Amino acid sequence: MFKSMLIALAAMVLSLLAPLVGATALSGHDPVAYFSAGKPIKGIKTITHQYRGQTYQFSSTANRDTFAANPQNFLPQYDGYCAWAVAQGQLAPGDPAFAKVVNNKLYFNFDRDIAARWEKDIPGFIKSGDAHWPKIRK
């Protein structure tokens, strides 16, 4: 219970501060790399693309161009919030380091422990998250 409350508080603080500090989307990770390399790869600060008011960084110009052609294909589900928390009907920040592509969709989780919980029933948690998301999204 305490951990859930702490996660929710952290999500609220991060969502309030992000616009003020001009945070780079996905903590600077290349969104295309999750699909092409199967793992998080940090982008290069000089290879960027603006989308919906956020700056995305890429590890190559080819990845930038792929993203620019169809950004929706590479954005994380639940606006990057933790997939396990969303499945519980809560919001918590997702960490790009704990990501998984499932059925060509990108999901983030809060940390290693939460990712391990989520991986025990990915289809069930996605179904639950998809049901909760319209009610809890901002």
C-alpha atoms as a PDB file:
ATOM      1  CA  MET A   1       0.000   0.000   0.000  1.00  0.00           C
ATOM      2  CA  PHE A   2       2.760   2.440   0.988  1.00  0.00           C
ATOM      3  CA  LYS A   3       4.734   1.706  -2.197  1.00  0.00           C
ATOM      4  CA  SER A   4       1.636   2.381  -4.331  1.00  0.00           C
ATOM      5  CA  MET A   5       1.082   5.717  -2.600  1.00  0.00           C
ATOM      6  CA  LEU A   6       4.741   6.632  -3.031  1.00  0.00           C
ATOM      7  CA  ILE A   7       4.639   5.751  -6.731  1.00  0.00           C
ATOM      8  CA  ALA A   8       1.493   7.854  -7.220  1.00  0.00           C
ATOM      9  CA  LEU A   9       3.101  10.817  -5.426  1.00  0.00           C
ATOM     10  CA  ALA A  10       6.247  10.511  -7.558  1.00  0.00           C
ATOM     11  CA  ALA A  11       4.145  10.466 -10.736  1.00  0.00           C
ATOM     12  CA  MET A  12       2.305  13.604  -9.694  1.00  0.00           C
ATOM     13  CA  VAL A  13       5.513  15.484  -8.848  1.00  0.00           C
ATOM     14  CA  LEU A  14       7.195  14.433 -12.100  1.00  0.00           C
ATOM     15  CA  SER A  15       4.188  15.415 -14.210  1.00  0.00           C
ATOM     16  CA  LEU A  16       4.159  18.876 -12.595  1.00  0.00           C
ATOM     17  CA  LEU A  17       7.902  19.468 -12.963  1.00  0.00           C
ATOM     18  CA  ALA A  18       8.524  18.079 -16.455  1.00  0.00           C
ATOM     19  CA  PRO A  19       7.172  21.098 -18.377  1.00  0.00           C
ATOM     20  CA  LEU A  20       9.182  23.460 -16.181  1.00  0.00           C
ATOM     21  CA  VAL A  21      12.536  21.796 -16.790  1.00  0.00           C
ATOM     22  CA  GLY A  22      12.033  21.078 -20.498  1.00  0.00           C
ATOM     23  CA  ALA A  23      12.611  17.362 -20.081  1.00  0.00           C
ATOM     24  CA  THR A  24      13.602  15.403 -23.148  1.00  0.00           C
ATOM     25  CA  ALA A  25      11.040  12.744 -24.059  1.00  0.00           C
ATOM     26  CA  LEU A  26      11.766   9.187 -22.890  1.00  0.00           C
ATOM     27  CA  SER A  27      14.732  10.439 -20.828  1.00  0.00           C
ATOM     28  CA  GLY A  28      16.659  10.794 -24.072  1.00  0.00           C
ATOM     29  CA  HIS A  29      16.169   7.191 -25.212  1.00  0.00           C
ATOM     30  CA  ASP A  30      15.658   6.491 -28.907  1.00  0.00           C
ATOM     31  CA  PRO A  31      12.041   5.282 -29.312  1.00  0.00           C
ATOM     32  CA  VAL A  32      12.771   3.432 -32.566  1.00  0.00           C
ATOM     33  CA  ALA A  33      15.640   1.452 -30.997  1.00  0.00           C
ATOM     34  CA  TYR A  34      13.234  -0.452 -28.735  1.00  0.00           C
ATOM     35  CA  PHE A  35      11.785  -1.987 -31.905  1.00  0.00           C
ATOM     36  CA  SER A  36      14.896  -2.277 -34.090  1.00  0.00           C
ATOM     37  CA  ALA A  37      17.510  -3.216 -31.468  1.00  0.00           C
ATOM     38  CA  GLY A  38      15.171  -4.716 -28.887  1.00  0.00           C
ATOM     39  CA  LYS A  39      16.637  -2.666 -26.054  1.00  0.00           C
ATOM     40  CA  PRO A  40      16.858   0.911 -24.781  1.00  0.00           C
ATOM     41  CA  ILE A  41      19.551   2.979 -26.478  1.00  0.00           C
ATOM     42  CA  LYS A  42      20.290   6.577 -25.570  1.00  0.00           C
ATOM     43  CA  GLY A  43      19.808   9.069 -28.350  1.00  0.00           C
ATOM     44  CA  ILE A  44      22.318  11.661 -29.475  1.00  0.00           C
ATOM     45  CA  LYS A  45      21.530  15.237 -28.434  1.00  0.00           C
ATOM     46  CA  THR A  46      22.087  16.553 -31.952  1.00  0.00           C
ATOM     47  CA  ILE A  47      19.748  14.049 -33.670  1.00  0.00           C
ATOM     48  CA  THR A  48      16.258  15.104 -32.628  1.00  0.00           C
ATOM     49  CA  HIS A  49      12.680  15.417 -33.767  1.00  0.00           C
ATOM     50  CA  GLN A  50       9.909  17.538 -32.261  1.00  0.00           C
ATOM     51  CA  TYR A  51       6.534  15.877 -31.837  1.00  0.00           C
ATOM     52  CA  ARG A  52       3.571  17.199 -29.872  1.00  0.00           C
ATOM     53  CA  GLY A  53       5.728  19.650 -27.949  1.00  0.00           C
ATOM     54  CA  GLN A  54       8.336  17.086 -26.918  1.00  0.00           C
ATOM     55  CA  THR A  55      11.895  16.623 -28.125  1.00  0.00           C
ATOM     56  CA  TYR A  56      12.826  13.037 -28.993  1.00  0.00           C
ATOM     57  CA  GLN A  57      16.467  12.013 -29.397  1.00  0.00           C
ATOM     58  CA  PHE A  58      17.718   9.284 -31.725  1.00  0.00           C
ATOM     59  CA  SER A  59      20.823   7.141 -32.041  1.00  0.00           C
ATOM     60  CA  SER A  60      20.888   7.634 -35.830  1.00  0.00           C
ATOM     61  CA  THR A  61      19.390   9.841 -38.511  1.00  0.00           C
ATOM     62  CA  ALA A  62      17.744   6.742 -39.987  1.00  0.00           C
ATOM     63  CA  ASN A  63      15.859   6.163 -36.708  1.00  0.00           C
ATOM     64  CA  ARG A  64      14.872   9.829 -36.587  1.00  0.00           C
ATOM     65  CA  ASP A  65      13.502   9.657 -40.117  1.00  0.00           C
ATOM     66  CA  THR A  66      11.628   6.419 -39.364  1.00  0.00           C
ATOM     67  CA  PHE A  67      10.030   8.043 -36.328  1.00  0.00           C
ATOM     68  CA  ALA A  68       9.179  11.248 -38.206  1.00  0.00           C
ATOM     69  CA  ALA A  69       7.321   9.252 -40.870  1.00  0.00           C
ATOM     70  CA  ASN A  70       4.916   7.741 -38.299  1.00  0.00           C
ATOM     71  CA  PRO A  71       5.531   8.730 -34.654  1.00  0.00           C
ATOM     72  CA  GLN A  72       2.441   6.929 -33.324  1.00  0.00           C
ATOM     73  CA  ASN A  73       4.042   3.576 -34.162  1.00  0.00           C
ATOM     74  CA  PHE A  74       6.853   4.195 -31.672  1.00  0.00           C
ATOM     75  CA  LEU A  75       5.307   6.045 -28.738  1.00  0.00           C
ATOM     76  CA  PRO A  76       4.893   4.136 -25.478  1.00  0.00           C
ATOM     77  CA  GLN A  77       1.457   2.956 -24.457  1.00  0.00           C
ATOM     78  CA  TYR A  78      -0.328   4.780 -21.632  1.00  0.00           C
ATOM     79  CA  ASP A  79       1.663   7.942 -22.444  1.00  0.00           C
ATOM     80  CA  GLY A  80       4.758   6.300 -20.979  1.00  0.00           C
ATOM     81  CA  TYR A  81       3.264   5.623 -17.551  1.00  0.00           C
ATOM     82  CA  CYS A  82       4.043   2.343 -15.815  1.00  0.00           C
ATOM     83  CA  ALA A  83       2.044  -0.429 -17.493  1.00  0.00           C
ATOM     84  CA  TRP A  84       1.681  -2.431 -14.283  1.00  0.00           C
ATOM     85  CA  ALA A  85       0.372   0.590 -12.352  1.00  0.00           C
ATOM     86  CA  VAL A  86      -2.125   1.414 -15.102  1.00  0.00           C
ATOM     87  CA  ALA A  87      -3.330  -2.198 -14.937  1.00  0.00           C
ATOM     88  CA  GLN A  88      -4.010  -1.558 -11.217  1.00  0.00           C
ATOM     89  CA  GLY A  89      -5.981   1.594 -12.070  1.00  0.00           C
ATOM     90  CA  GLN A  90      -3.188   3.935 -10.932  1.00  0.00           C
ATOM     91  CA  LEU A  91      -0.647   6.267 -12.485  1.00  0.00           C
ATOM     92  CA  ALA A  92       3.052   5.889 -11.822  1.00  0.00           C
ATOM     93  CA  PRO A  93       6.018   7.049 -13.876  1.00  0.00           C
ATOM     94  CA  GLY A  94       7.395   4.585 -16.385  1.00  0.00           C
ATOM     95  CA  ASP A  95      11.146   4.181 -16.679  1.00  0.00           C
ATOM     96  CA  PRO A  96      12.477   3.809 -20.246  1.00  0.00           C
ATOM     97  CA  ALA A  97      15.126   1.439 -18.894  1.00  0.00           C
ATOM     98  CA  PHE A  98      12.371  -1.079 -18.023  1.00  0.00           C
ATOM     99  CA  ALA A  99      10.643  -1.354 -21.373  1.00  0.00           C
ATOM    100  CA  LYS A 100       9.204  -4.187 -23.391  1.00  0.00           C
ATOM    101  CA  VAL A 101       7.715  -4.344 -26.889  1.00  0.00           C
ATOM    102  CA  VAL A 102       4.634  -6.573 -27.024  1.00  0.00           C
ATOM    103  CA  ASN A 103       2.673  -7.010 -30.258  1.00  0.00           C
ATOM    104  CA  ASN A 104       4.495  -4.019 -31.779  1.00  0.00           C
ATOM    105  CA  LYS A 105       3.561  -1.754 -28.861  1.00  0.00           C
ATOM    106  CA  LEU A 106       6.005  -0.246 -26.373  1.00  0.00           C
ATOM    107  CA  TYR A 107       5.326  -0.510 -22.628  1.00  0.00           C
ATOM    108  CA  PHE A 108       7.309   0.966 -19.720  1.00  0.00           C
ATOM    109  CA  ASN A 109       7.361  -0.108 -16.093  1.00  0.00           C
ATOM    110  CA  PHE A 110       8.436   1.692 -12.915  1.00  0.00           C
ATOM    111  CA  ASP A 111      11.441  -0.429 -11.955  1.00  0.00           C
ATOM    112  CA  ARG A 112      12.917  -3.928 -12.197  1.00  0.00           C
ATOM    113  CA  ASP A 113      10.632  -5.384  -9.478  1.00  0.00           C
ATOM    114  CA  ILE A 114       7.481  -3.985 -11.049  1.00  0.00           C
ATOM    115  CA  ALA A 115       8.592  -5.145 -14.514  1.00  0.00           C
ATOM    116  CA  ALA A 116       9.040  -8.666 -13.100  1.00  0.00           C
ATOM    117  CA  ARG A 117       5.498  -8.563 -11.697  1.00  0.00           C
ATOM    118  CA  TRP A 118       4.130  -7.332 -15.026  1.00  0.00           C
ATOM    119  CA  GLU A 119       5.911 -10.080 -16.963  1.00  0.00           C
ATOM    120  CA  LYS A 120       4.112 -12.779 -14.966  1.00  0.00           C
ATOM    121  CA  ASP A 121       0.875 -12.046 -16.886  1.00  0.00           C
ATOM    122  CA  ILE A 122       1.571  -9.577 -19.687  1.00  0.00           C
ATOM    123  CA  PRO A 123      -1.633 -10.293 -21.661  1.00  0.00           C
ATOM    124  CA  GLY A 124      -3.773  -9.994 -18.528  1.00  0.00           C
ATOM    125  CA  PHE A 125      -2.106  -6.777 -17.407  1.00  0.00           C
ATOM    126  CA  ILE A 126      -2.406  -5.258 -20.890  1.00  0.00           C
ATOM    127  CA  LYS A 127      -6.108  -6.128 -20.968  1.00  0.00           C
ATOM    128  CA  SER A 128      -6.594  -4.599 -17.526  1.00  0.00           C
ATOM    129  CA  GLY A 129      -4.477  -1.550 -18.401  1.00  0.00           C
ATOM    130  CA  ASP A 130      -6.422  -0.964 -21.613  1.00  0.00           C
ATOM    131  CA  ALA A 131      -9.666  -1.098 -19.619  1.00  0.00           C
ATOM    132  CA  HIS A 132      -8.422   1.311 -16.919  1.00  0.00           C
ATOM    133  CA  TRP A 133      -6.569   3.751 -19.190  1.00  0.00           C
ATOM    134  CA  PRO A 134      -9.558   5.750 -20.506  1.00  0.00           C
ATOM    135  CA  LYS A 135     -10.672   6.430 -16.925  1.00  0.00           C
ATOM    136  CA  ILE A 136      -7.307   7.471 -15.466  1.00  0.00           C
ATOM    137  CA  ARG A 137      -5.578   9.274 -18.330  1.00  0.00           C
ATOM    138  CA  LYS A 138      -5.162  12.986 -18.021  1.00  0.00           C
END
